[in-house]
Amino acid sequence: MCFRSTYLSHFVNPRPNLRHEDILADERGFQRDFAGRLSCIALVHTTMSIQVLRHFRSSSISATILQAACFIPTATLKLPTSKYTPNTHQHLRRRRYASPVTPPSSAKNTVYSNSTVSQLSGIDKNPLAPAQLGPRSHITEQALDLIALQPSHFAIVEIKGRPYHVHVDDVIITMRMNEVKLGDVLILDRVREIGSAEYLLRGNPYVHPEYHTIKVVVVEHPIGKPIVRKHWKKRGHDKIVVNTNSHTALRVAGIEINTVSRKSLPAPVS
C-alpha cells in the first residue's frame, strides 16, 4: 500500500517541491524549444530541396517527379503572391495572341474567270440555258399567252397587307378606306399570283404590273354590328361604351392579262 502510493505520487508529480506555476512555465519553455527545433529542421529541408531543384533544372526530369522527390511542406513556406502567379486565363490569352496563326501555304485567295472555272470543273456552259427572267422575257410572254387563252381568270391580290383570292364579280370586304368614295374605280398593283384553270404566274413577291390589269369598284361603306359594353361602378353610375367596326366593300370589275398581241392592238375609238 505504501509502495503503491509512493509510485503513483512519483509518477503524477515527479518534482513535488515545485509549484504549479513553475510546472506551467517549464511546459511553455519546452513547447518553444520544440517549435524552434521544428523550424530548424524545416529550414534545412527547404535548403536541400532548393539545391536539388537547381541541380536538376537543366535535366529532362519532369516537374511532377521533382515535386514528389523534394516535397516542401506548405506550412513552412510562404505562398507566392499574385505578382509572380499571373491569372491562367490572361496568361493563355496572352500566349494565344503573341504568336498569330498563319494560314497554310496551300490555302490562297485566287479568283478564277468563268472559262477557268468551266475548265476546272469539266462542265461546259450550256448555250441553251434560259437567260435571266425580266419584265418582258420570252418565257413570261409564252406563259401570259397560255393564261389569256383560257377562261375564268383568278388572282390573289393584297389589300392593306391581307391576301384575297378573287374572280370577276367577287365582292371584297376590307377595312375602312376613308380616302375613297362610292363609285371610284381602283387598279390594284400588288398581285401575288395570277392565272387560269391550268396555268399560273407567280410573283416574287408580286407580279409585274405590266402583266395584268385588275379593276375594283367601291360599292359600299358598311358599318358592323355595334358592340355595347357596360361598366358598373360602386357608386351606382353606369358607363356604356358602343364600338362599331366600319368596312369598305369592293367589287372586282375585271381581270385582264396584258400580252404583246393585246397591247399592239389599237385602242377602240368611242
C-alpha atoms as a PDB file:
ATOM      1  CA  MET A   1       0.000   0.000   0.000  1.00  0.00           C
ATOM      2  CA  CYS A   2       2.785   2.332   0.869  1.00  0.00           C
ATOM      3  CA  PHE A   3       4.764   1.330  -2.241  1.00  0.00           C
ATOM      4  CA  ARG A   4       1.750   1.940  -4.487  1.00  0.00           C
ATOM      5  CA  SER A   5       1.090   5.413  -3.104  1.00  0.00           C
ATOM      6  CA  THR A   6       4.760   6.316  -3.410  1.00  0.00           C
ATOM      7  CA  TYR A   7       4.864   5.111  -7.029  1.00  0.00           C
ATOM      8  CA  LEU A   8       1.718   6.985  -8.010  1.00  0.00           C
ATOM      9  CA  SER A   9       2.870  10.175  -6.364  1.00  0.00           C
ATOM     10  CA  HIS A  10       6.224   9.911  -8.136  1.00  0.00           C
ATOM     11  CA  PHE A  11       4.526   9.258 -11.463  1.00  0.00           C
ATOM     12  CA  VAL A  12       1.991  12.064 -11.184  1.00  0.00           C
ATOM     13  CA  ASN A  13       4.317  14.707  -9.770  1.00  0.00           C
ATOM     14  CA  PRO A  14       7.951  13.725 -10.241  1.00  0.00           C
ATOM     15  CA  ARG A  15       9.047  17.024  -8.674  1.00  0.00           C
ATOM     16  CA  PRO A  16       6.703  17.586  -5.722  1.00  0.00           C
ATOM     17  CA  ASN A  17       8.718  20.541  -4.427  1.00  0.00           C
ATOM     18  CA  LEU A  18       7.855  22.658  -7.494  1.00  0.00           C
ATOM     19  CA  ARG A  19       4.741  24.776  -7.636  1.00  0.00           C
ATOM     20  CA  HIS A  20       2.080  24.566 -10.308  1.00  0.00           C
ATOM     21  CA  GLU A  21       3.153  27.885 -11.867  1.00  0.00           C
ATOM     22  CA  ASP A  22       6.718  26.623 -12.257  1.00  0.00           C
ATOM     23  CA  ILE A  23       5.484  23.472 -13.979  1.00  0.00           C
ATOM     24  CA  LEU A  24       3.428  25.554 -16.491  1.00  0.00           C
ATOM     25  CA  ALA A  25       6.450  27.761 -17.180  1.00  0.00           C
ATOM     26  CA  ASP A  26       8.592  24.693 -17.850  1.00  0.00           C
ATOM     27  CA  GLU A  27       5.954  23.336 -20.242  1.00  0.00           C
ATOM     28  CA  ARG A  28       5.849  26.622 -22.185  1.00  0.00           C
ATOM     29  CA  GLY A  29       9.635  26.618 -22.457  1.00  0.00           C
ATOM     30  CA  PHE A  30       9.580  23.040 -23.729  1.00  0.00           C
ATOM     31  CA  GLN A  31       6.990  23.970 -26.339  1.00  0.00           C
ATOM     32  CA  ARG A  32       9.074  26.922 -27.541  1.00  0.00           C
ATOM     33  CA  ASP A  33      12.171  24.743 -27.715  1.00  0.00           C
ATOM     34  CA  PHE A  34      10.309  22.074 -29.675  1.00  0.00           C
ATOM     35  CA  ALA A  35       8.892  24.644 -32.130  1.00  0.00           C
ATOM     36  CA  GLY A  36      12.365  26.110 -32.667  1.00  0.00           C
ATOM     37  CA  ARG A  37      13.790  22.688 -33.435  1.00  0.00           C
ATOM     38  CA  LEU A  38      10.989  22.021 -35.936  1.00  0.00           C
ATOM     39  CA  SER A  39      11.698  25.349 -37.656  1.00  0.00           C
ATOM     40  CA  CYS A  40      15.385  24.480 -37.952  1.00  0.00           C
ATOM     41  CA  ILE A  41      14.566  21.068 -39.430  1.00  0.00           C
ATOM     42  CA  ALA A  42      12.136  22.627 -41.931  1.00  0.00           C
ATOM     43  CA  LEU A  43      14.721  25.266 -42.935  1.00  0.00           C
ATOM     44  CA  VAL A  44      17.354  22.606 -43.563  1.00  0.00           C
ATOM     45  CA  HIS A  45      14.865  20.538 -45.556  1.00  0.00           C
ATOM     46  CA  THR A  46      13.885  23.579 -47.629  1.00  0.00           C
ATOM     47  CA  THR A  47      17.523  24.435 -48.375  1.00  0.00           C
ATOM     48  CA  MET A  48      18.228  20.888 -49.532  1.00  0.00           C
ATOM     49  CA  SER A  49      15.109  20.861 -51.730  1.00  0.00           C
ATOM     50  CA  ILE A  50      16.082  24.145 -53.412  1.00  0.00           C
ATOM     51  CA  GLN A  51      19.595  22.829 -54.078  1.00  0.00           C
ATOM     52  CA  VAL A  52      18.176  19.655 -55.649  1.00  0.00           C
ATOM     53  CA  LEU A  53      15.843  21.701 -57.853  1.00  0.00           C
ATOM     54  CA  ARG A  54      18.721  23.909 -59.023  1.00  0.00           C
ATOM     55  CA  HIS A  55      20.811  20.823 -59.798  1.00  0.00           C
ATOM     56  CA  PHE A  56      18.087  19.191 -61.958  1.00  0.00           C
ATOM     57  CA  ARG A  57      16.787  22.392 -63.584  1.00  0.00           C
ATOM     58  CA  SER A  58      18.501  21.717 -66.935  1.00  0.00           C
ATOM     59  CA  SER A  59      17.745  17.978 -66.954  1.00  0.00           C
ATOM     60  CA  SER A  60      14.782  16.248 -68.608  1.00  0.00           C
ATOM     61  CA  ILE A  61      13.133  15.208 -65.336  1.00  0.00           C
ATOM     62  CA  SER A  62       9.548  16.388 -65.177  1.00  0.00           C
ATOM     63  CA  ALA A  63       8.309  18.840 -62.575  1.00  0.00           C
ATOM     64  CA  THR A  64       5.955  16.233 -61.097  1.00  0.00           C
ATOM     65  CA  ILE A  65       8.855  13.853 -60.301  1.00  0.00           C
ATOM     66  CA  LEU A  66      10.905  16.661 -58.762  1.00  0.00           C
ATOM     67  CA  GLN A  67       7.974  17.778 -56.660  1.00  0.00           C
ATOM     68  CA  ALA A  68       7.422  14.208 -55.434  1.00  0.00           C
ATOM     69  CA  ALA A  69      11.130  13.709 -54.681  1.00  0.00           C
ATOM     70  CA  CYS A  70      11.601  17.068 -52.944  1.00  0.00           C
ATOM     71  CA  PHE A  71       8.352  17.627 -51.127  1.00  0.00           C
ATOM     72  CA  ILE A  72       8.238  21.013 -49.449  1.00  0.00           C
ATOM     73  CA  PRO A  73       5.628  21.345 -46.671  1.00  0.00           C
ATOM     74  CA  THR A  74       3.331  24.298 -47.259  1.00  0.00           C
ATOM     75  CA  ALA A  75       3.264  25.176 -43.551  1.00  0.00           C
ATOM     76  CA  THR A  76       6.943  26.247 -43.532  1.00  0.00           C
ATOM     77  CA  LEU A  77       6.985  28.273 -46.806  1.00  0.00           C
ATOM     78  CA  LYS A  78       5.181  31.419 -47.819  1.00  0.00           C
ATOM     79  CA  LEU A  79       2.913  31.114 -50.817  1.00  0.00           C
ATOM     80  CA  PRO A  80       3.946  33.277 -53.796  1.00  0.00           C
ATOM     81  CA  THR A  81       1.985  36.461 -54.287  1.00  0.00           C
ATOM     82  CA  SER A  82      -0.265  37.255 -57.232  1.00  0.00           C
ATOM     83  CA  LYS A  83       2.555  39.354 -58.707  1.00  0.00           C
ATOM     84  CA  TYR A  84       4.504  36.211 -59.606  1.00  0.00           C
ATOM     85  CA  THR A  85       1.490  33.987 -60.350  1.00  0.00           C
ATOM     86  CA  PRO A  86      -0.467  35.633 -63.192  1.00  0.00           C
ATOM     87  CA  ASN A  87      -4.025  34.670 -63.956  1.00  0.00           C
ATOM     88  CA  THR A  88      -4.263  31.489 -66.021  1.00  0.00           C
ATOM     89  CA  HIS A  89      -6.891  32.923 -68.378  1.00  0.00           C
ATOM     90  CA  GLN A  90      -4.836  36.063 -69.002  1.00  0.00           C
ATOM     91  CA  HIS A  91      -1.693  34.004 -69.498  1.00  0.00           C
ATOM     92  CA  LEU A  92      -3.347  31.762 -72.076  1.00  0.00           C
ATOM     93  CA  ARG A  93      -4.898  34.711 -73.854  1.00  0.00           C
ATOM     94  CA  ARG A  94      -1.521  36.472 -73.980  1.00  0.00           C
ATOM     95  CA  ARG A  95       0.145  33.409 -75.445  1.00  0.00           C
ATOM     96  CA  ARG A  96      -2.618  32.949 -77.973  1.00  0.00           C
ATOM     97  CA  TYR A  97      -2.252  36.471 -79.395  1.00  0.00           C
ATOM     98  CA  ALA A  98       1.528  36.570 -79.070  1.00  0.00           C
ATOM     99  CA  SER A  99       2.007  34.171 -81.989  1.00  0.00           C
ATOM    100  CA  PRO A 100      -0.559  34.905 -84.722  1.00  0.00           C
ATOM    101  CA  VAL A 101      -1.901  31.939 -86.648  1.00  0.00           C
ATOM    102  CA  THR A 102      -0.741  31.977 -90.244  1.00  0.00           C
ATOM    103  CA  PRO A 103      -2.795  30.122 -92.862  1.00  0.00           C
ATOM    104  CA  PRO A 104      -1.128  27.230 -94.664  1.00  0.00           C
ATOM    105  CA  SER A 105       0.705  27.982 -97.871  1.00  0.00           C
ATOM    106  CA  SER A 106      -1.711  25.844 -99.903  1.00  0.00           C
ATOM    107  CA  ALA A 107      -4.752  27.999 -98.982  1.00  0.00           C
ATOM    108  CA  LYS A 108      -4.657  31.051-101.232  1.00  0.00           C
ATOM    109  CA  ASN A 109      -7.339  33.508-102.260  1.00  0.00           C
ATOM    110  CA  THR A 110      -7.412  33.070-106.021  1.00  0.00           C
ATOM    111  CA  VAL A 111     -10.141  34.419-108.274  1.00  0.00           C
ATOM    112  CA  TYR A 112     -10.747  32.402-111.439  1.00  0.00           C
ATOM    113  CA  SER A 113     -12.573  33.554-114.541  1.00  0.00           C
ATOM    114  CA  ASN A 114     -15.642  31.806-115.959  1.00  0.00           C
ATOM    115  CA  SER A 115     -13.623  29.949-118.603  1.00  0.00           C
ATOM    116  CA  THR A 116     -11.131  28.748-115.999  1.00  0.00           C
ATOM    117  CA  VAL A 117     -13.933  27.519-113.728  1.00  0.00           C
ATOM    118  CA  SER A 118     -15.541  25.600-116.588  1.00  0.00           C
ATOM    119  CA  GLN A 119     -12.197  24.018-117.467  1.00  0.00           C
ATOM    120  CA  LEU A 120     -11.507  23.031-113.865  1.00  0.00           C
ATOM    121  CA  SER A 121     -14.979  21.601-113.292  1.00  0.00           C
ATOM    122  CA  GLY A 122     -15.074  19.800-116.645  1.00  0.00           C
ATOM    123  CA  ILE A 123     -18.624  21.001-117.385  1.00  0.00           C
ATOM    124  CA  ASP A 124     -19.207  23.160-120.431  1.00  0.00           C
ATOM    125  CA  LYS A 125     -21.568  26.091-120.246  1.00  0.00           C
ATOM    126  CA  ASN A 126     -24.996  25.201-121.614  1.00  0.00           C
ATOM    127  CA  PRO A 127     -25.761  27.518-124.547  1.00  0.00           C
ATOM    128  CA  LEU A 128     -29.460  26.628-124.371  1.00  0.00           C
ATOM    129  CA  ALA A 129     -29.894  27.768-120.754  1.00  0.00           C
ATOM    130  CA  PRO A 130     -32.588  30.469-120.435  1.00  0.00           C
ATOM    131  CA  ALA A 131     -31.475  33.981-119.686  1.00  0.00           C
ATOM    132  CA  GLN A 132     -32.418  35.825-116.532  1.00  0.00           C
ATOM    133  CA  LEU A 133     -36.133  36.491-116.402  1.00  0.00           C
ATOM    134  CA  GLY A 134     -37.028  40.147-116.707  1.00  0.00           C
ATOM    135  CA  PRO A 135     -40.252  42.133-117.023  1.00  0.00           C
ATOM    136  CA  ARG A 136     -40.646  41.012-120.657  1.00  0.00           C
ATOM    137  CA  SER A 137     -38.799  37.741-121.229  1.00  0.00           C
ATOM    138  CA  HIS A 138     -39.892  35.267-123.902  1.00  0.00           C
ATOM    139  CA  ILE A 139     -40.752  32.632-121.264  1.00  0.00           C
ATOM    140  CA  THR A 140     -43.041  35.065-119.464  1.00  0.00           C
ATOM    141  CA  GLU A 141     -44.692  36.047-122.748  1.00  0.00           C
ATOM    142  CA  GLN A 142     -45.451  32.404-123.520  1.00  0.00           C
ATOM    143  CA  ALA A 143     -46.939  31.912-120.052  1.00  0.00           C
ATOM    144  CA  LEU A 144     -49.107  35.009-120.448  1.00  0.00           C
ATOM    145  CA  ASP A 145     -50.387  33.819-123.840  1.00  0.00           C
ATOM    146  CA  LEU A 146     -51.374  30.444-122.374  1.00  0.00           C
ATOM    147  CA  ILE A 147     -53.167  32.096-119.444  1.00  0.00           C
ATOM    148  CA  ALA A 148     -55.005  34.540-121.732  1.00  0.00           C
ATOM    149  CA  LEU A 149     -56.313  31.745-123.997  1.00  0.00           C
ATOM    150  CA  GLN A 150     -58.172  30.056-121.125  1.00  0.00           C
ATOM    151  CA  PRO A 151     -61.282  31.498-119.409  1.00  0.00           C
ATOM    152  CA  SER A 152     -62.075  32.027-115.721  1.00  0.00           C
ATOM    153  CA  HIS A 153     -59.060  34.030-114.670  1.00  0.00           C
ATOM    154  CA  PHE A 154     -58.299  34.465-110.996  1.00  0.00           C
ATOM    155  CA  ALA A 155     -55.831  36.482-108.941  1.00  0.00           C
ATOM    156  CA  ILE A 156     -54.500  36.681-105.410  1.00  0.00           C
ATOM    157  CA  VAL A 157     -54.409  40.378-104.569  1.00  0.00           C
ATOM    158  CA  GLU A 158     -53.103  42.106-101.459  1.00  0.00           C
ATOM    159  CA  ILE A 159     -55.136  44.916 -99.867  1.00  0.00           C
ATOM    160  CA  LYS A 160     -53.911  46.530 -96.652  1.00  0.00           C
ATOM    161  CA  GLY A 161     -51.459  43.682 -96.066  1.00  0.00           C
ATOM    162  CA  ARG A 162     -54.042  40.866 -96.422  1.00  0.00           C
ATOM    163  CA  PRO A 163     -54.344  38.469 -99.384  1.00  0.00           C
ATOM    164  CA  TYR A 164     -57.669  37.834-101.171  1.00  0.00           C
ATOM    165  CA  HIS A 165     -58.361  35.120-103.761  1.00  0.00           C
ATOM    166  CA  VAL A 166     -60.756  36.786-106.218  1.00  0.00           C
ATOM    167  CA  HIS A 167     -62.543  36.176-109.511  1.00  0.00           C
ATOM    168  CA  VAL A 168     -64.583  38.555-111.628  1.00  0.00           C
ATOM    169  CA  ASP A 169     -67.705  39.973-109.878  1.00  0.00           C
ATOM    170  CA  ASP A 170     -66.460  38.960-106.425  1.00  0.00           C
ATOM    171  CA  VAL A 171     -67.007  41.366-103.515  1.00  0.00           C
ATOM    172  CA  ILE A 172     -64.146  42.063-101.115  1.00  0.00           C
ATOM    173  CA  ILE A 173     -64.915  43.282 -97.592  1.00  0.00           C
ATOM    174  CA  THR A 174     -61.848  45.023 -96.233  1.00  0.00           C
ATOM    175  CA  MET A 175     -61.104  47.588 -93.563  1.00  0.00           C
ATOM    176  CA  ARG A 176     -62.390  51.122 -93.838  1.00  0.00           C
ATOM    177  CA  MET A 177     -60.848  53.205 -96.642  1.00  0.00           C
ATOM    178  CA  ASN A 178     -61.693  56.804 -95.867  1.00  0.00           C
ATOM    179  CA  GLU A 179     -59.811  58.196 -98.861  1.00  0.00           C
ATOM    180  CA  VAL A 180     -62.172  56.654-101.457  1.00  0.00           C
ATOM    181  CA  LYS A 181     -65.796  57.385-102.294  1.00  0.00           C
ATOM    182  CA  LEU A 182     -68.655  55.320-103.685  1.00  0.00           C
ATOM    183  CA  GLY A 183     -68.226  54.598-107.391  1.00  0.00           C
ATOM    184  CA  ASP A 184     -64.461  55.091-107.509  1.00  0.00           C
ATOM    185  CA  VAL A 185     -62.510  52.667-109.713  1.00  0.00           C
ATOM    186  CA  LEU A 186     -59.248  51.351-108.291  1.00  0.00           C
ATOM    187  CA  ILE A 187     -56.471  49.493-110.136  1.00  0.00           C
ATOM    188  CA  LEU A 188     -54.607  47.011-107.939  1.00  0.00           C
ATOM    189  CA  ASP A 189     -50.864  46.662-108.467  1.00  0.00           C
ATOM    190  CA  ARG A 190     -49.970  44.295-105.614  1.00  0.00           C
ATOM    191  CA  VAL A 191     -50.852  40.915-107.092  1.00  0.00           C
ATOM    192  CA  ARG A 192     -49.133  37.805-105.753  1.00  0.00           C
ATOM    193  CA  GLU A 193     -50.491  35.302-108.292  1.00  0.00           C
ATOM    194  CA  ILE A 194     -52.493  35.423-111.477  1.00  0.00           C
ATOM    195  CA  GLY A 195     -53.644  32.509-113.594  1.00  0.00           C
ATOM    196  CA  SER A 196     -56.363  30.422-115.177  1.00  0.00           C
ATOM    197  CA  ALA A 197     -57.700  26.889-114.766  1.00  0.00           C
ATOM    198  CA  GLU A 198     -54.430  25.185-115.789  1.00  0.00           C
ATOM    199  CA  TYR A 199     -51.683  27.828-115.746  1.00  0.00           C
ATOM    200  CA  LEU A 200     -50.336  30.107-113.076  1.00  0.00           C
ATOM    201  CA  LEU A 201     -47.912  33.037-112.951  1.00  0.00           C
ATOM    202  CA  ARG A 202     -46.442  33.669-109.514  1.00  0.00           C
ATOM    203  CA  GLY A 203     -44.646  36.853-108.496  1.00  0.00           C
ATOM    204  CA  ASN A 204     -41.561  37.355-106.363  1.00  0.00           C
ATOM    205  CA  PRO A 205     -43.140  38.741-104.254  1.00  0.00           C
ATOM    206  CA  TYR A 206     -45.546  40.473-106.671  1.00  0.00           C
ATOM    207  CA  VAL A 207     -46.303  40.054-110.344  1.00  0.00           C
ATOM    208  CA  HIS A 208     -45.105  42.932-112.503  1.00  0.00           C
ATOM    209  CA  PRO A 209     -47.917  45.486-113.065  1.00  0.00           C
ATOM    210  CA  GLU A 210     -47.380  45.316-116.849  1.00  0.00           C
ATOM    211  CA  TYR A 211     -48.685  41.737-116.957  1.00  0.00           C
ATOM    212  CA  HIS A 212     -52.211  42.416-115.683  1.00  0.00           C
ATOM    213  CA  THR A 213     -54.973  44.964-115.165  1.00  0.00           C
ATOM    214  CA  ILE A 214     -57.252  44.299-112.198  1.00  0.00           C
ATOM    215  CA  LYS A 215     -60.012  46.841-111.562  1.00  0.00           C
ATOM    216  CA  VAL A 216     -62.209  47.092-108.485  1.00  0.00           C
ATOM    217  CA  VAL A 217     -65.143  49.435-107.809  1.00  0.00           C
ATOM    218  CA  VAL A 218     -66.071  50.862-104.412  1.00  0.00           C
ATOM    219  CA  VAL A 219     -69.705  49.867-103.843  1.00  0.00           C
ATOM    220  CA  GLU A 220     -70.383  50.442-100.133  1.00  0.00           C
ATOM    221  CA  HIS A 221     -69.059  51.539 -96.757  1.00  0.00           C
ATOM    222  CA  PRO A 222     -70.900  49.127 -94.415  1.00  0.00           C
ATOM    223  CA  ILE A 223     -70.940  49.509 -90.643  1.00  0.00           C
ATOM    224  CA  GLY A 224     -70.722  46.461 -88.454  1.00  0.00           C
ATOM    225  CA  LYS A 225     -72.996  45.481 -85.602  1.00  0.00           C
ATOM    226  CA  PRO A 226     -72.455  47.758 -82.579  1.00  0.00           C
ATOM    227  CA  ILE A 227     -70.769  46.214 -79.580  1.00  0.00           C
ATOM    228  CA  VAL A 228     -72.131  47.535 -76.263  1.00  0.00           C
ATOM    229  CA  ARG A 229     -70.000  47.323 -73.150  1.00  0.00           C
ATOM    230  CA  LYS A 230     -71.431  48.246 -69.754  1.00  0.00           C
ATOM    231  CA  HIS A 231     -69.250  49.099 -66.802  1.00  0.00           C
ATOM    232  CA  TRP A 232     -70.923  49.361 -63.381  1.00  0.00           C
ATOM    233  CA  LYS A 233     -69.182  51.346 -60.677  1.00  0.00           C
ATOM    234  CA  LYS A 234     -69.606  51.046 -56.932  1.00  0.00           C
ATOM    235  CA  ARG A 235     -71.269  54.444 -56.639  1.00  0.00           C
ATOM    236  CA  GLY A 236     -74.183  53.428 -58.834  1.00  0.00           C
ATOM    237  CA  HIS A 237     -73.070  55.164 -62.032  1.00  0.00           C
ATOM    238  CA  ASP A 238     -73.134  53.119 -65.219  1.00  0.00           C
ATOM    239  CA  LYS A 239     -70.934  53.690 -68.273  1.00  0.00           C
ATOM    240  CA  ILE A 240     -71.953  52.402 -71.698  1.00  0.00           C
ATOM    241  CA  VAL A 241     -69.360  52.130 -74.481  1.00  0.00           C
ATOM    242  CA  VAL A 242     -70.537  51.468 -78.043  1.00  0.00           C
ATOM    243  CA  ASN A 243     -67.951  50.245 -80.592  1.00  0.00           C
ATOM    244  CA  THR A 244     -68.759  49.961 -84.299  1.00  0.00           C
ATOM    245  CA  ASN A 245     -66.482  48.480 -86.966  1.00  0.00           C
ATOM    246  CA  SER A 246     -66.504  50.219 -90.356  1.00  0.00           C
ATOM    247  CA  HIS A 247     -65.616  48.390 -93.585  1.00  0.00           C
ATOM    248  CA  THR A 248     -65.362  49.049 -97.311  1.00  0.00           C
ATOM    249  CA  ALA A 249     -66.900  46.778 -99.962  1.00  0.00           C
ATOM    250  CA  LEU A 250     -65.037  46.431-103.293  1.00  0.00           C
ATOM    251  CA  ARG A 251     -66.397  44.596-106.337  1.00  0.00           C
ATOM    252  CA  VAL A 252     -63.946  43.099-108.833  1.00  0.00           C
ATOM    253  CA  ALA A 253     -64.857  44.654-112.201  1.00  0.00           C
ATOM    254  CA  GLY A 254     -62.347  42.818-114.381  1.00  0.00           C
ATOM    255  CA  ILE A 255     -59.157  40.746-114.552  1.00  0.00           C
ATOM    256  CA  GLU A 256     -57.224  41.226-117.804  1.00  0.00           C
ATOM    257  CA  ILE A 257     -53.970  39.624-118.960  1.00  0.00           C
ATOM    258  CA  ASN A 258     -51.728  42.061-120.833  1.00  0.00           C
ATOM    259  CA  THR A 259     -49.978  40.193-123.655  1.00  0.00           C
ATOM    260  CA  VAL A 260     -47.890  41.595-126.506  1.00  0.00           C
ATOM    261  CA  SER A 261     -50.614  40.943-129.113  1.00  0.00           C
ATOM    262  CA  ARG A 262     -53.233  42.653-126.987  1.00  0.00           C
ATOM    263  CA  LYS A 263     -51.044  45.677-126.332  1.00  0.00           C
ATOM    264  CA  SER A 264     -50.236  46.030-130.051  1.00  0.00           C
ATOM    265  CA  LEU A 265     -53.942  46.333-130.969  1.00  0.00           C
ATOM    266  CA  PRO A 266     -55.206  49.907-131.387  1.00  0.00           C
ATOM    267  CA  ALA A 267     -57.419  51.310-128.694  1.00  0.00           C
ATOM    268  CA  PRO A 268     -61.159  51.420-129.535  1.00  0.00           C
ATOM    269  CA  VAL A 269     -62.460  54.802-130.632  1.00  0.00           C
ATOM    270  CA  SER A 270     -65.514  55.900-128.692  1.00  0.00           C
END
